[in-house]
Amino acid sequence: MAEESAEHRAELSGGAQENYLAELKRRYGTQDERRALLAHVNRLLDTYAMRAGYQVGQAQRQDLLYRISVSAPGELLVREESRAERGTQLAVRNQRVPVFGVDPFVRYDCPASGPSCVLRNPLDGSPLLTIVRDHAGAAELAKAFSFLIRNVQKS
């Protein structure tokens, strides 16, 4: 993952950053950088959601769904919904992530064994989001989330 990290960090600066943000604003039909980043992060979270169907062989299969929003200046809100496979039990957890003074680079792990990737909290490295095991999806989500953190740090 060290190569991915170096490549990811390089994409967070200079002309690549401007091109990436311009493409997102065009794709989501807005001139607002934060709105485009939030739309992209949340679309990626929908696309790579950890669904019960991916958890073959596990006794307690569940859907894990996330939504990111800005809750206050310098703070993101991560909403996690976990729903049992049969849809009868729903649990919602909200986690506030203050971003002022943190390294905006979001790290992720995609272990070879297991069906998921974990994106790490930039504050302390603890697990923040769990998505289906897809290296490209995790890399794109980490990149977009890193840009979002940078944007919120400016406010």
N, C-alpha and C. Protein backbone atom coordinates (compact mmCIF):
# COMPACT_ATOMS: atom_id res chain seq x y z
N MET A 1 0.81 -1.18 0.00
CA MET A 1 0.00 0.00 0.00
C MET A 1 0.86 1.26 0.00
N ALA A 2 2.13 1.17 0.25
CA ALA A 2 3.01 2.34 0.29
C ALA A 2 3.02 3.06 -1.06
N GLU A 3 3.02 2.29 -2.16
CA GLU A 3 2.98 2.93 -3.48
C GLU A 3 1.68 3.68 -3.68
N GLU A 4 0.56 3.07 -3.27
CA GLU A 4 -0.72 3.73 -3.38
C GLU A 4 -0.73 5.03 -2.56
N SER A 5 -0.14 5.00 -1.39
CA SER A 5 -0.12 6.16 -0.52
C SER A 5 0.65 7.30 -1.16
N ALA A 6 1.82 7.01 -1.71
CA ALA A 6 2.63 8.04 -2.34
C ALA A 6 1.90 8.61 -3.56
N GLU A 7 1.29 7.74 -4.34
CA GLU A 7 0.54 8.19 -5.51
C GLU A 7 -0.66 9.03 -5.09
N HIS A 8 -1.34 8.59 -4.06
CA HIS A 8 -2.51 9.31 -3.54
C HIS A 8 -2.12 10.69 -3.05
N ARG A 9 -1.02 10.79 -2.31
CA ARG A 9 -0.55 12.09 -1.82
C ARG A 9 -0.20 13.03 -2.97
N ALA A 10 0.41 12.49 -4.03
CA ALA A 10 0.77 13.31 -5.18
C ALA A 10 -0.47 13.87 -5.87
N GLU A 11 -1.56 13.11 -5.87
CA GLU A 11 -2.80 13.56 -6.50
C GLU A 11 -3.50 14.66 -5.71
N LEU A 12 -3.09 14.89 -4.48
CA LEU A 12 -3.75 15.88 -3.64
C LEU A 12 -3.19 17.28 -3.81
N SER A 13 -2.26 17.46 -4.74
CA SER A 13 -1.67 18.78 -4.87
C SER A 13 -1.54 19.19 -6.33
N GLY A 14 -1.34 20.48 -6.53
CA GLY A 14 -1.04 21.02 -7.85
C GLY A 14 -2.17 20.93 -8.85
N GLY A 15 -1.77 20.80 -10.11
CA GLY A 15 -2.72 20.77 -11.21
C GLY A 15 -3.67 19.59 -11.16
N ALA A 16 -3.20 18.47 -10.65
CA ALA A 16 -4.07 17.29 -10.55
C ALA A 16 -5.26 17.59 -9.64
N GLN A 17 -5.02 18.34 -8.58
CA GLN A 17 -6.09 18.71 -7.65
C GLN A 17 -7.12 19.59 -8.36
N GLU A 18 -6.65 20.60 -9.09
CA GLU A 18 -7.56 21.51 -9.80
C GLU A 18 -8.38 20.76 -10.84
N ASN A 19 -7.75 19.87 -11.58
CA ASN A 19 -8.47 19.08 -12.59
C ASN A 19 -9.51 18.17 -11.96
N TYR A 20 -9.14 17.53 -10.87
CA TYR A 20 -10.05 16.61 -10.17
C TYR A 20 -11.29 17.37 -9.69
N LEU A 21 -11.07 18.51 -9.04
CA LEU A 21 -12.19 19.28 -8.50
C LEU A 21 -13.06 19.85 -9.61
N ALA A 22 -12.45 20.31 -10.71
CA ALA A 22 -13.22 20.82 -11.85
C ALA A 22 -14.10 19.72 -12.45
N GLU A 23 -13.54 18.50 -12.55
CA GLU A 23 -14.31 17.38 -13.08
C GLU A 23 -15.50 17.05 -12.17
N LEU A 24 -15.30 17.07 -10.86
CA LEU A 24 -16.40 16.78 -9.93
C LEU A 24 -17.48 17.84 -10.02
N LYS A 25 -17.08 19.10 -10.10
CA LYS A 25 -18.08 20.17 -10.20
C LYS A 25 -18.89 20.03 -11.49
N ARG A 26 -18.22 19.67 -12.57
CA ARG A 26 -18.92 19.45 -13.84
C ARG A 26 -19.87 18.26 -13.73
N ARG A 27 -19.38 17.16 -13.17
CA ARG A 27 -20.17 15.93 -13.05
C ARG A 27 -21.43 16.13 -12.22
N TYR A 28 -21.33 16.91 -11.15
CA TYR A 28 -22.47 17.08 -10.25
C TYR A 28 -23.23 18.39 -10.48
N GLY A 29 -22.87 19.11 -11.54
CA GLY A 29 -23.62 20.29 -11.95
C GLY A 29 -23.64 21.41 -10.94
N THR A 30 -22.50 21.69 -10.33
CA THR A 30 -22.43 22.75 -9.34
C THR A 30 -21.09 23.47 -9.46
N GLN A 31 -21.06 24.70 -9.03
CA GLN A 31 -19.80 25.44 -8.95
C GLN A 31 -19.25 25.41 -7.53
N ASP A 32 -20.01 24.81 -6.62
CA ASP A 32 -19.62 24.73 -5.22
C ASP A 32 -18.77 23.48 -4.99
N GLU A 33 -17.50 23.69 -4.67
CA GLU A 33 -16.56 22.59 -4.49
C GLU A 33 -17.01 21.63 -3.40
N ARG A 34 -17.46 22.16 -2.26
CA ARG A 34 -17.88 21.30 -1.14
C ARG A 34 -19.09 20.46 -1.52
N ARG A 35 -20.05 21.06 -2.20
CA ARG A 35 -21.25 20.32 -2.61
C ARG A 35 -20.87 19.17 -3.56
N ALA A 36 -19.97 19.45 -4.49
CA ALA A 36 -19.52 18.41 -5.43
C ALA A 36 -18.79 17.28 -4.69
N LEU A 37 -17.93 17.65 -3.74
CA LEU A 37 -17.19 16.63 -2.98
C LEU A 37 -18.14 15.79 -2.12
N LEU A 38 -19.10 16.42 -1.46
CA LEU A 38 -20.07 15.67 -0.64
C LEU A 38 -20.88 14.73 -1.52
N ALA A 39 -21.33 15.21 -2.68
CA ALA A 39 -22.10 14.36 -3.58
C ALA A 39 -21.27 13.16 -4.04
N HIS A 40 -20.01 13.41 -4.36
CA HIS A 40 -19.15 12.33 -4.85
C HIS A 40 -18.85 11.31 -3.74
N VAL A 41 -18.49 11.79 -2.57
CA VAL A 41 -18.22 10.89 -1.45
C VAL A 41 -19.44 10.03 -1.15
N ASN A 42 -20.61 10.65 -1.09
CA ASN A 42 -21.82 9.89 -0.76
C ASN A 42 -22.22 8.93 -1.88
N ARG A 43 -21.97 9.31 -3.14
CA ARG A 43 -22.23 8.38 -4.24
C ARG A 43 -21.30 7.16 -4.15
N LEU A 44 -20.03 7.42 -3.85
CA LEU A 44 -19.08 6.31 -3.68
C LEU A 44 -19.48 5.42 -2.51
N LEU A 45 -19.95 6.02 -1.44
CA LEU A 45 -20.39 5.22 -0.29
C LEU A 45 -21.58 4.34 -0.66
N ASP A 46 -22.47 4.84 -1.50
CA ASP A 46 -23.59 4.01 -1.99
C ASP A 46 -23.09 2.90 -2.90
N THR A 47 -22.18 3.24 -3.81
CA THR A 47 -21.66 2.28 -4.78
C THR A 47 -20.91 1.13 -4.10
N TYR A 48 -20.09 1.46 -3.11
CA TYR A 48 -19.24 0.44 -2.47
C TYR A 48 -19.75 0.04 -1.08
N ALA A 49 -21.04 0.21 -0.84
CA ALA A 49 -21.63 -0.14 0.45
C ALA A 49 -21.42 -1.62 0.75
N MET A 50 -21.15 -1.90 2.00
CA MET A 50 -20.98 -3.29 2.45
C MET A 50 -22.37 -3.88 2.68
N ARG A 51 -22.81 -4.67 1.74
CA ARG A 51 -24.15 -5.27 1.80
C ARG A 51 -24.08 -6.68 2.37
N ALA A 52 -25.18 -7.12 2.92
CA ALA A 52 -25.26 -8.46 3.51
C ALA A 52 -24.86 -9.53 2.49
N GLY A 53 -25.20 -9.34 1.24
CA GLY A 53 -24.90 -10.32 0.20
C GLY A 53 -23.42 -10.58 0.01
N TYR A 54 -22.56 -9.64 0.40
CA TYR A 54 -21.11 -9.82 0.29
C TYR A 54 -20.53 -10.60 1.46
N GLN A 55 -21.31 -10.83 2.47
CA GLN A 55 -20.81 -11.41 3.72
C GLN A 55 -21.13 -12.89 3.82
N VAL A 56 -20.81 -13.61 2.78
CA VAL A 56 -21.09 -15.04 2.71
C VAL A 56 -20.36 -15.76 3.83
N GLY A 57 -21.08 -16.66 4.51
CA GLY A 57 -20.47 -17.46 5.57
C GLY A 57 -20.48 -16.80 6.94
N GLN A 58 -20.92 -15.56 7.04
CA GLN A 58 -20.98 -14.89 8.33
C GLN A 58 -22.37 -15.06 8.93
N ALA A 59 -22.43 -15.32 10.22
CA ALA A 59 -23.71 -15.56 10.88
C ALA A 59 -24.56 -14.30 10.96
N GLN A 60 -23.98 -13.19 11.30
CA GLN A 60 -24.72 -11.93 11.49
C GLN A 60 -24.50 -11.01 10.28
N ARG A 61 -25.10 -11.36 9.15
CA ARG A 61 -24.91 -10.53 7.96
C ARG A 61 -25.78 -9.29 8.06
N GLN A 62 -25.20 -8.16 7.61
CA GLN A 62 -25.95 -6.91 7.68
C GLN A 62 -25.47 -5.94 6.60
N ASP A 63 -26.34 -5.00 6.26
CA ASP A 63 -25.97 -3.91 5.37
C ASP A 63 -25.35 -2.81 6.23
N LEU A 64 -24.26 -2.22 5.76
CA LEU A 64 -23.65 -1.05 6.40
C LEU A 64 -23.73 0.09 5.39
N LEU A 65 -24.48 1.12 5.73
CA LEU A 65 -24.69 2.25 4.84
C LEU A 65 -24.21 3.52 5.54
N TYR A 66 -23.56 4.39 4.79
CA TYR A 66 -23.00 5.62 5.36
C TYR A 66 -23.47 6.83 4.59
N ARG A 67 -23.49 7.95 5.28
CA ARG A 67 -23.78 9.25 4.69
C ARG A 67 -22.90 10.26 5.41
N ILE A 68 -22.22 11.10 4.64
CA ILE A 68 -21.32 12.12 5.19
C ILE A 68 -21.98 13.49 4.98
N SER A 69 -21.89 14.33 6.01
CA SER A 69 -22.37 15.71 5.89
C SER A 69 -21.45 16.61 6.72
N VAL A 70 -21.59 17.90 6.51
CA VAL A 70 -20.86 18.88 7.32
C VAL A 70 -21.82 19.30 8.41
N SER A 71 -21.44 19.06 9.67
CA SER A 71 -22.35 19.35 10.77
C SER A 71 -22.11 20.71 11.42
N ALA A 72 -20.89 21.20 11.33
CA ALA A 72 -20.51 22.48 11.93
C ALA A 72 -19.21 22.91 11.25
N PRO A 73 -18.82 24.17 11.39
CA PRO A 73 -17.54 24.57 10.81
C PRO A 73 -16.40 23.68 11.35
N GLY A 74 -15.63 23.10 10.42
CA GLY A 74 -14.52 22.26 10.81
C GLY A 74 -14.90 20.89 11.32
N GLU A 75 -16.12 20.44 11.02
CA GLU A 75 -16.56 19.15 11.55
C GLU A 75 -17.42 18.40 10.54
N LEU A 76 -17.09 17.13 10.35
CA LEU A 76 -17.89 16.26 9.50
C LEU A 76 -18.73 15.35 10.39
N LEU A 77 -19.88 14.96 9.87
CA LEU A 77 -20.74 14.01 10.56
C LEU A 77 -20.83 12.76 9.71
N VAL A 78 -20.47 11.63 10.31
CA VAL A 78 -20.55 10.34 9.63
C VAL A 78 -21.74 9.60 10.22
N ARG A 79 -22.74 9.35 9.38
CA ARG A 79 -23.94 8.63 9.81
C ARG A 79 -23.82 7.20 9.31
N GLU A 80 -23.89 6.26 10.22
CA GLU A 80 -23.81 4.84 9.88
C GLU A 80 -25.13 4.17 10.19
N GLU A 81 -25.68 3.49 9.20
CA GLU A 81 -26.88 2.66 9.39
C GLU A 81 -26.46 1.21 9.22
N SER A 82 -26.78 0.40 10.21
CA SER A 82 -26.58 -1.03 10.04
C SER A 82 -27.96 -1.69 10.11
N ARG A 83 -28.20 -2.52 9.12
CA ARG A 83 -29.51 -3.14 9.00
C ARG A 83 -29.31 -4.64 8.87
N ALA A 84 -29.99 -5.40 9.71
CA ALA A 84 -29.90 -6.85 9.66
C ALA A 84 -30.36 -7.34 8.29
N GLU A 85 -29.86 -8.49 7.88
CA GLU A 85 -30.14 -9.02 6.55
C GLU A 85 -31.63 -9.09 6.25
N ARG A 86 -32.42 -9.41 7.21
CA ARG A 86 -33.86 -9.54 7.01
C ARG A 86 -34.57 -8.18 7.08
N GLY A 87 -33.84 -7.12 7.40
CA GLY A 87 -34.41 -5.77 7.40
C GLY A 87 -35.24 -5.42 8.62
N THR A 88 -35.23 -6.28 9.65
CA THR A 88 -36.08 -6.03 10.81
C THR A 88 -35.42 -5.15 11.86
N GLN A 89 -34.10 -5.17 11.93
CA GLN A 89 -33.40 -4.38 12.94
C GLN A 89 -32.56 -3.32 12.26
N LEU A 90 -32.77 -2.07 12.67
CA LEU A 90 -32.01 -0.96 12.14
C LEU A 90 -31.34 -0.23 13.29
N ALA A 91 -30.04 -0.02 13.17
CA ALA A 91 -29.30 0.74 14.18
C ALA A 91 -28.62 1.91 13.46
N VAL A 92 -28.70 3.09 14.06
CA VAL A 92 -28.09 4.28 13.49
C VAL A 92 -27.09 4.83 14.49
N ARG A 93 -25.91 5.16 13.98
CA ARG A 93 -24.86 5.73 14.83
C ARG A 93 -24.31 6.95 14.10
N ASN A 94 -24.18 8.04 14.83
CA ASN A 94 -23.59 9.26 14.29
C ASN A 94 -22.26 9.50 14.97
N GLN A 95 -21.26 9.84 14.17
CA GLN A 95 -19.94 10.12 14.72
C GLN A 95 -19.47 11.46 14.17
N ARG A 96 -19.12 12.36 15.07
CA ARG A 96 -18.59 13.66 14.67
C ARG A 96 -17.07 13.54 14.52
N VAL A 97 -16.56 14.10 13.43
CA VAL A 97 -15.13 14.03 13.14
C VAL A 97 -14.61 15.46 12.97
N PRO A 98 -14.00 16.02 14.03
CA PRO A 98 -13.40 17.35 13.87
C PRO A 98 -12.17 17.25 12.98
N VAL A 99 -12.04 18.17 12.02
CA VAL A 99 -10.96 18.06 11.05
C VAL A 99 -9.91 19.16 11.14
N PHE A 100 -10.13 20.17 11.95
CA PHE A 100 -9.11 21.22 12.08
C PHE A 100 -7.85 20.62 12.70
N GLY A 101 -6.72 20.90 12.07
CA GLY A 101 -5.43 20.47 12.61
C GLY A 101 -5.06 19.02 12.35
N VAL A 102 -5.87 18.28 11.57
CA VAL A 102 -5.52 16.89 11.28
C VAL A 102 -4.94 16.79 9.88
N ASP A 103 -4.14 15.76 9.66
CA ASP A 103 -3.63 15.46 8.33
C ASP A 103 -4.83 15.02 7.49
N PRO A 104 -5.13 15.70 6.39
CA PRO A 104 -6.33 15.35 5.62
C PRO A 104 -6.22 14.04 4.84
N PHE A 105 -5.04 13.45 4.81
CA PHE A 105 -4.84 12.23 4.07
C PHE A 105 -5.56 11.06 4.75
N VAL A 106 -6.54 10.49 4.07
CA VAL A 106 -7.32 9.37 4.61
C VAL A 106 -6.66 8.07 4.19
N ARG A 107 -6.33 7.26 5.16
CA ARG A 107 -5.71 5.95 4.90
C ARG A 107 -6.79 4.86 4.88
N TYR A 108 -6.47 3.78 4.20
CA TYR A 108 -7.40 2.66 4.14
C TYR A 108 -6.64 1.35 4.10
N ASP A 109 -7.32 0.29 4.51
CA ASP A 109 -6.77 -1.06 4.48
C ASP A 109 -7.78 -1.97 3.78
N CYS A 110 -7.28 -2.83 2.92
CA CYS A 110 -8.10 -3.85 2.26
C CYS A 110 -7.41 -5.20 2.46
N PRO A 111 -7.62 -5.83 3.61
CA PRO A 111 -6.95 -7.11 3.88
C PRO A 111 -7.28 -8.16 2.82
N ALA A 112 -6.30 -8.98 2.50
CA ALA A 112 -6.48 -10.03 1.49
C ALA A 112 -7.57 -11.02 1.91
N SER A 113 -7.67 -11.26 3.20
CA SER A 113 -8.73 -12.14 3.67
C SER A 113 -9.87 -11.27 4.19
N GLY A 114 -11.06 -11.62 3.84
CA GLY A 114 -12.21 -10.85 4.29
C GLY A 114 -12.84 -10.08 3.15
N PRO A 115 -14.10 -9.71 3.35
CA PRO A 115 -14.87 -9.09 2.27
C PRO A 115 -14.86 -7.56 2.25
N SER A 116 -14.04 -6.92 3.12
CA SER A 116 -14.20 -5.47 3.26
C SER A 116 -12.88 -4.70 3.26
N CYS A 117 -13.02 -3.40 3.02
CA CYS A 117 -11.95 -2.43 3.20
C CYS A 117 -12.39 -1.49 4.31
N VAL A 118 -11.42 -0.96 5.04
CA VAL A 118 -11.71 -0.04 6.13
C VAL A 118 -10.99 1.27 5.87
N LEU A 119 -11.72 2.37 5.89
CA LEU A 119 -11.11 3.69 5.82
C LEU A 119 -10.89 4.16 7.25
N ARG A 120 -9.74 4.75 7.47
CA ARG A 120 -9.31 5.12 8.82
C ARG A 120 -9.64 6.58 9.15
N ASN A 121 -9.99 6.81 10.41
CA ASN A 121 -10.25 8.15 10.92
C ASN A 121 -8.93 8.92 10.91
N PRO A 122 -8.89 10.09 10.28
CA PRO A 122 -7.63 10.85 10.23
C PRO A 122 -7.18 11.36 11.60
N LEU A 123 -8.07 11.39 12.56
CA LEU A 123 -7.71 11.84 13.91
C LEU A 123 -6.79 10.86 14.62
N ASP A 124 -7.19 9.58 14.61
CA ASP A 124 -6.47 8.61 15.43
C ASP A 124 -6.20 7.27 14.74
N GLY A 125 -6.59 7.15 13.49
CA GLY A 125 -6.35 5.90 12.77
C GLY A 125 -7.34 4.79 13.06
N SER A 126 -8.35 5.07 13.88
CA SER A 126 -9.35 4.05 14.19
C SER A 126 -10.26 3.84 12.97
N PRO A 127 -10.92 2.68 12.88
CA PRO A 127 -11.83 2.43 11.75
C PRO A 127 -12.95 3.48 11.72
N LEU A 128 -13.22 4.02 10.55
CA LEU A 128 -14.27 5.03 10.40
C LEU A 128 -15.39 4.53 9.51
N LEU A 129 -15.03 3.94 8.36
CA LEU A 129 -16.00 3.45 7.38
C LEU A 129 -15.59 2.06 6.92
N THR A 130 -16.58 1.20 6.71
CA THR A 130 -16.32 -0.13 6.17
C THR A 130 -17.08 -0.24 4.86
N ILE A 131 -16.35 -0.58 3.79
CA ILE A 131 -16.97 -0.75 2.48
C ILE A 131 -16.60 -2.13 1.94
N VAL A 132 -17.23 -2.50 0.83
CA VAL A 132 -16.92 -3.78 0.21
C VAL A 132 -15.45 -3.77 -0.24
N ARG A 133 -14.83 -4.92 -0.26
CA ARG A 133 -13.41 -5.03 -0.62
C ARG A 133 -13.23 -4.74 -2.11
N ASP A 134 -12.76 -3.53 -2.39
CA ASP A 134 -12.51 -3.09 -3.76
C ASP A 134 -11.41 -2.03 -3.65
N HIS A 135 -10.20 -2.40 -4.06
CA HIS A 135 -9.05 -1.50 -3.91
C HIS A 135 -9.25 -0.18 -4.64
N ALA A 136 -9.73 -0.24 -5.88
CA ALA A 136 -9.93 0.99 -6.65
C ALA A 136 -11.00 1.86 -6.01
N GLY A 137 -12.07 1.24 -5.55
CA GLY A 137 -13.14 1.99 -4.88
C GLY A 137 -12.66 2.62 -3.59
N ALA A 138 -11.89 1.88 -2.81
CA ALA A 138 -11.35 2.41 -1.56
C ALA A 138 -10.40 3.56 -1.82
N ALA A 139 -9.58 3.43 -2.86
CA ALA A 139 -8.63 4.48 -3.21
C ALA A 139 -9.36 5.75 -3.64
N GLU A 140 -10.38 5.61 -4.48
CA GLU A 140 -11.14 6.78 -4.93
C GLU A 140 -11.89 7.44 -3.77
N LEU A 141 -12.48 6.62 -2.90
CA LEU A 141 -13.18 7.17 -1.74
C LEU A 141 -12.22 7.89 -0.81
N ALA A 142 -11.06 7.30 -0.56
CA ALA A 142 -10.06 7.94 0.30
C ALA A 142 -9.61 9.27 -0.30
N LYS A 143 -9.44 9.30 -1.61
CA LYS A 143 -9.02 10.53 -2.29
C LYS A 143 -10.09 11.61 -2.16
N ALA A 144 -11.34 11.29 -2.48
CA ALA A 144 -12.43 12.26 -2.40
C ALA A 144 -12.64 12.73 -0.96
N PHE A 145 -12.55 11.80 -0.01
CA PHE A 145 -12.73 12.14 1.40
C PHE A 145 -11.60 13.06 1.87
N SER A 146 -10.39 12.81 1.38
CA SER A 146 -9.24 13.67 1.72
C SER A 146 -9.47 15.09 1.21
N PHE A 147 -9.95 15.22 -0.02
CA PHE A 147 -10.25 16.55 -0.57
C PHE A 147 -11.36 17.23 0.22
N LEU A 148 -12.36 16.45 0.63
CA LEU A 148 -13.46 17.01 1.43
C LEU A 148 -12.93 17.54 2.76
N ILE A 149 -12.07 16.79 3.41
CA ILE A 149 -11.49 17.24 4.68
C ILE A 149 -10.73 18.54 4.47
N ARG A 150 -9.93 18.60 3.43
CA ARG A 150 -9.19 19.85 3.13
C ARG A 150 -10.14 21.02 2.95
N ASN A 151 -11.24 20.77 2.24
CA ASN A 151 -12.21 21.83 1.98
C ASN A 151 -12.84 22.31 3.29
N VAL A 152 -13.21 21.39 4.15
CA VAL A 152 -13.85 21.75 5.43
C VAL A 152 -12.85 22.44 6.35
N GLN A 153 -11.60 22.09 6.24
CA GLN A 153 -10.57 22.76 7.06
C GLN A 153 -10.43 24.24 6.71
N LYS A 154 -10.79 24.60 5.49
CA LYS A 154 -10.68 26.00 5.06
C LYS A 154 -11.78 26.88 5.64
N SER A 155 -12.90 26.28 6.07
CA SER A 155 -14.05 27.08 6.47
C SER A 155 -13.91 27.74 7.80
